[in-house]
Amino acid sequence: MSTIAIIGAGPGMGRAIARTFGSRGFNVALISRSKDKLDALAEQLGGEGITAEGFAADVMDRPSLTAALEAAKARFGAIDVLEYSPAPHSPVPGITIAAPSEATVENLQPQIEYSFYGAVEAARTVLPAMREAGAGTLLFTTGGGSVDPIPMLGNVNAAAAALRNWAINLNKELAGSGVHAAHVAIGVWIGEGGPVGIPTATPEQIAPLYWELHEARDRAEAVFTG
């Protein structure tokens, strides 16, 4: 049975992606900071017939992230799909938002640690086994600002754009290996109550895109605009 590891798993996109893959027979390794919340989500998915387990880790603490992925591999045997989409829906220490002219090394570095370095560490943990198997999928999520930046998110978008560039380049490097990497840019407000004039979509509307990228393996980037 195949396994997907979802980094940044929560009640929004993480749960929707877990359902999308879990309903197709995948085991689901859920990774985020709160073990209690992960256990509750795993129990909910289990009630829907999906085998899921939580592994606590902080993407800002790279050894804990590596340990969680290794624990998931020990539990499920292998990780066939990695999905990286941590999102600070609740305040994260050291994470602030700044316009381009207000960007500093101090407020950029935590964004880079959160969005980019965590993704690199996660990929390095699972990629050797994928290469050896000649199969695997790496999916990295950012907001639409990584493609079309938004002034109020100057430092956020810069870090996300670094992840986007690296993910697309990683896919080029992996060509012919059987491993596929792709970037997903979500250019809508997820859920209800978004800013006026910004299109919205539910996690359930977005999640099928991840399965399409995994199955088709024909593009290194998808931008969801509704």
Protein backbone atom coordinates (compact mmCIF):
# COMPACT_ATOMS: atom_id res chain seq x y z
CA MET A 1 0.00 0.00 0.00
CA SER A 2 1.26 3.51 -0.85
CA THR A 3 1.79 6.28 1.69
CA ILE A 4 1.53 10.06 1.54
CA ALA A 5 3.21 12.27 4.14
CA ILE A 6 1.47 15.61 4.59
CA ILE A 7 3.60 18.26 6.28
CA GLY A 8 1.45 21.03 7.71
CA ALA A 9 -1.52 18.71 8.19
CA GLY A 10 -4.57 20.41 9.64
CA PRO A 11 -8.34 20.67 9.29
CA GLY A 12 -8.18 22.57 5.98
CA MET A 13 -6.00 21.63 3.03
CA GLY A 14 -4.22 18.88 4.93
CA ARG A 15 -7.42 17.03 5.71
CA ALA A 16 -8.73 17.50 2.16
CA ILE A 17 -5.50 16.15 0.64
CA ALA A 18 -5.52 13.27 3.13
CA ARG A 19 -9.05 12.37 2.05
CA THR A 20 -8.17 12.68 -1.63
CA PHE A 21 -5.29 10.21 -1.36
CA GLY A 22 -6.68 8.12 1.49
CA SER A 23 -9.89 7.42 -0.39
CA ARG A 24 -7.71 5.96 -3.13
CA GLY A 25 -6.04 3.50 -0.81
CA PHE A 26 -3.11 5.52 0.51
CA ASN A 27 -1.92 5.41 4.10
CA VAL A 28 -1.58 8.94 5.46
CA ALA A 29 1.24 10.24 7.66
CA LEU A 30 0.14 13.53 9.21
CA ILE A 31 2.90 15.93 10.31
CA SER A 32 2.51 19.22 12.18
CA ARG A 33 3.40 20.74 15.54
CA SER A 34 0.50 19.55 17.73
CA LYS A 35 0.32 15.82 18.47
CA ASP A 36 -3.11 16.21 20.08
CA LYS A 37 -4.55 17.85 16.95
CA LEU A 38 -2.88 15.26 14.74
CA ASP A 39 -4.34 12.43 16.78
CA ALA A 40 -7.82 13.95 16.53
CA LEU A 41 -7.45 14.32 12.77
CA ALA A 42 -6.14 10.77 12.40
CA GLU A 43 -9.11 9.49 14.40
CA GLN A 44 -11.52 11.41 12.18
CA LEU A 45 -9.92 10.01 9.04
CA GLY A 46 -9.93 6.55 10.55
CA GLY A 47 -13.67 6.85 10.99
CA GLU A 48 -13.86 7.39 7.23
CA GLY A 49 -11.91 4.22 6.54
CA ILE A 50 -8.54 5.93 6.00
CA THR A 51 -5.43 4.63 7.76
CA ALA A 52 -3.73 7.70 9.23
CA GLU A 53 -1.28 8.46 12.01
CA GLY A 54 0.17 11.69 13.37
CA PHE A 55 3.86 12.50 13.84
CA ALA A 56 4.63 15.76 15.62
CA ALA A 57 7.35 18.03 14.23
CA ASP A 58 8.15 21.70 13.75
CA VAL A 59 9.40 22.66 10.29
CA MET A 60 11.56 25.33 11.96
CA ASP A 61 13.28 22.51 13.88
CA ARG A 62 14.75 20.47 11.06
CA PRO A 63 15.98 17.52 13.17
CA SER A 64 12.42 17.07 14.48
CA LEU A 65 11.09 17.12 10.93
CA THR A 66 13.58 14.50 9.82
CA ALA A 67 12.74 12.37 12.85
CA ALA A 68 9.00 12.56 12.11
CA LEU A 69 9.51 11.48 8.51
CA GLU A 70 11.76 8.62 9.60
CA ALA A 71 9.10 7.55 12.12
CA ALA A 72 6.47 7.64 9.38
CA LYS A 73 8.68 5.48 7.17
CA ALA A 74 9.16 3.02 10.01
CA ARG A 75 5.40 2.88 10.55
CA PHE A 76 4.28 2.58 6.93
CA GLY A 77 7.33 1.12 5.21
CA ALA A 78 7.95 3.88 2.67
CA ILE A 79 6.78 7.35 1.70
CA ASP A 80 5.59 7.44 -1.89
CA VAL A 81 4.23 11.00 -1.94
CA LEU A 82 5.47 13.98 0.06
CA GLU A 83 3.27 17.08 0.30
CA TYR A 84 4.72 20.18 1.98
CA SER A 85 2.36 23.01 2.92
CA PRO A 86 2.89 24.40 6.42
CA ALA A 87 0.65 27.41 6.95
CA PRO A 88 0.79 29.62 10.06
CA HIS A 89 -2.96 29.88 10.66
CA SER A 90 -2.08 30.54 14.29
CA PRO A 91 0.76 32.86 15.35
CA VAL A 92 4.20 31.34 14.91
CA PRO A 93 7.01 32.85 17.02
CA GLY A 94 9.33 34.96 14.91
CA ILE A 95 7.09 34.96 11.82
CA THR A 96 6.05 38.45 10.75
CA ILE A 97 4.75 39.95 7.51
CA ALA A 98 6.47 42.86 5.77
CA ALA A 99 6.10 44.84 2.56
CA PRO A 100 9.05 44.73 0.12
CA SER A 101 10.46 48.06 1.31
CA GLU A 102 10.15 46.88 4.93
CA ALA A 103 11.89 43.55 4.34
CA THR A 104 14.98 42.99 6.45
CA VAL A 105 17.33 40.08 6.96
CA GLU A 106 15.67 39.64 10.35
CA ASN A 107 12.09 39.29 9.04
CA LEU A 108 13.08 37.42 5.87
CA GLN A 109 15.13 34.70 7.52
CA PRO A 110 12.26 33.12 9.52
CA GLN A 111 10.09 33.09 6.38
CA ILE A 112 12.84 31.32 4.47
CA GLU A 113 13.34 28.84 7.32
CA TYR A 114 9.60 28.15 7.42
CA SER A 115 8.70 28.02 3.74
CA PHE A 116 11.90 26.96 2.01
CA TYR A 117 14.44 25.27 4.26
CA GLY A 118 11.84 22.95 5.77
CA ALA A 119 10.87 21.79 2.27
CA VAL A 120 14.49 21.15 1.35
CA GLU A 121 15.06 19.12 4.52
CA ALA A 122 11.89 17.08 3.97
CA ALA A 123 12.82 16.31 0.38
CA ARG A 124 16.36 15.29 1.32
CA THR A 125 14.91 12.86 3.86
CA VAL A 126 12.62 10.99 1.46
CA LEU A 127 14.32 11.46 -1.91
CA PRO A 128 17.09 8.84 -1.64
CA ALA A 129 14.57 6.01 -1.18
CA MET A 130 12.41 7.38 -3.99
CA ARG A 131 15.38 7.48 -6.33
CA GLU A 132 16.34 3.94 -5.39
CA ALA A 133 12.77 2.78 -6.05
CA GLY A 134 12.56 4.76 -9.29
CA ALA A 135 9.21 6.21 -8.21
CA GLY A 136 7.79 8.94 -6.03
CA THR A 137 6.12 12.34 -6.00
CA LEU A 138 7.18 15.54 -4.25
CA LEU A 139 4.56 18.30 -4.03
CA PHE A 140 5.29 21.75 -2.60
CA THR A 141 2.58 24.32 -1.88
CA THR A 142 2.75 28.11 -1.70
CA GLY A 143 0.31 30.96 -2.10
CA GLY A 144 -0.30 32.61 -5.44
CA GLY A 145 2.05 35.41 -4.38
CA SER A 146 5.01 33.20 -5.23
CA VAL A 147 4.03 33.70 -8.88
CA ASP A 148 2.33 37.12 -8.77
CA PRO A 149 3.61 38.84 -5.61
CA ILE A 150 1.43 40.95 -3.33
CA PRO A 151 3.01 44.08 -1.77
CA MET A 152 1.74 43.46 1.77
CA LEU A 153 3.36 40.00 1.71
CA GLY A 154 6.77 41.10 0.49
CA ASN A 155 8.90 38.85 2.67
CA VAL A 156 6.42 35.95 2.57
CA ASN A 157 6.29 35.97 -1.22
CA ALA A 158 10.08 36.18 -1.54
CA ALA A 159 10.54 33.02 0.52
CA ALA A 160 7.74 31.24 -1.33
CA ALA A 161 9.26 32.23 -4.67
CA ALA A 162 12.54 30.64 -3.60
CA LEU A 163 10.68 27.40 -2.87
CA ARG A 164 8.88 27.62 -6.22
CA ASN A 165 12.14 28.12 -8.14
CA TRP A 166 13.84 25.25 -6.34
CA ALA A 167 10.89 22.83 -6.76
CA ILE A 168 10.62 23.45 -10.50
CA ASN A 169 14.39 23.09 -10.86
CA LEU A 170 14.31 19.89 -8.79
CA ASN A 171 11.81 18.44 -11.23
CA LYS A 172 14.20 19.22 -14.08
CA GLU A 173 17.01 17.44 -12.27
CA LEU A 174 14.82 14.40 -11.59
CA ALA A 175 13.69 13.99 -15.21
CA GLY A 176 13.93 10.35 -16.22
CA SER A 177 14.41 9.11 -12.65
CA GLY A 178 10.79 8.10 -12.05
CA VAL A 179 10.47 10.75 -9.33
CA HIS A 180 8.30 13.77 -10.09
CA ALA A 181 8.39 17.13 -8.30
CA ALA A 182 5.80 19.87 -8.69
CA HIS A 183 4.83 23.21 -7.21
CA VAL A 184 1.26 24.21 -6.39
CA ALA A 185 0.44 27.91 -6.09
CA ILE A 186 -2.96 28.54 -4.51
CA GLY A 187 -4.13 31.90 -5.81
CA VAL A 188 -7.42 32.05 -3.90
CA TRP A 189 -8.57 32.59 -0.35
CA ILE A 190 -9.16 29.17 1.17
CA GLY A 191 -12.53 28.99 2.91
CA GLU A 192 -15.01 31.72 3.69
CA GLY A 193 -14.53 35.27 4.90
CA GLY A 194 -11.75 36.35 2.60
CA PRO A 195 -10.94 39.95 1.63
CA VAL A 196 -13.40 41.67 -0.67
CA GLY A 197 -12.60 41.02 -4.31
CA ILE A 198 -10.45 37.95 -3.63
CA PRO A 199 -11.83 34.71 -5.11
CA THR A 200 -12.46 31.88 -2.66
CA ALA A 201 -12.42 28.09 -2.84
CA THR A 202 -12.87 25.25 -0.40
CA PRO A 203 -10.06 22.82 0.38
CA GLU A 204 -12.20 20.11 -1.21
CA GLN A 205 -12.24 22.03 -4.49
CA ILE A 206 -8.45 22.42 -4.50
CA ALA A 207 -7.30 19.01 -3.25
CA PRO A 208 -8.03 17.02 -6.45
CA LEU A 209 -5.31 19.05 -8.16
CA TYR A 210 -2.71 17.25 -6.05
CA TRP A 211 -3.95 13.88 -7.21
CA GLU A 212 -3.87 15.08 -10.83
CA LEU A 213 -0.23 16.15 -10.47
CA HIS A 214 0.68 12.83 -8.87
CA GLU A 215 -1.09 10.79 -11.53
CA ALA A 216 -0.37 12.77 -14.70
CA ARG A 217 3.24 13.75 -13.87
CA ASP A 218 3.21 16.05 -16.89
CA ARG A 219 3.91 19.48 -15.40
CA ALA A 220 6.14 20.99 -12.75
CA GLU A 221 3.66 23.64 -11.67
CA ALA A 222 -0.05 24.20 -11.24
CA VAL A 223 -1.64 27.52 -10.27
CA PHE A 224 -5.10 27.23 -8.75
CA THR A 225 -7.24 30.31 -9.40
CA GLY A 226 -10.69 28.82 -8.94
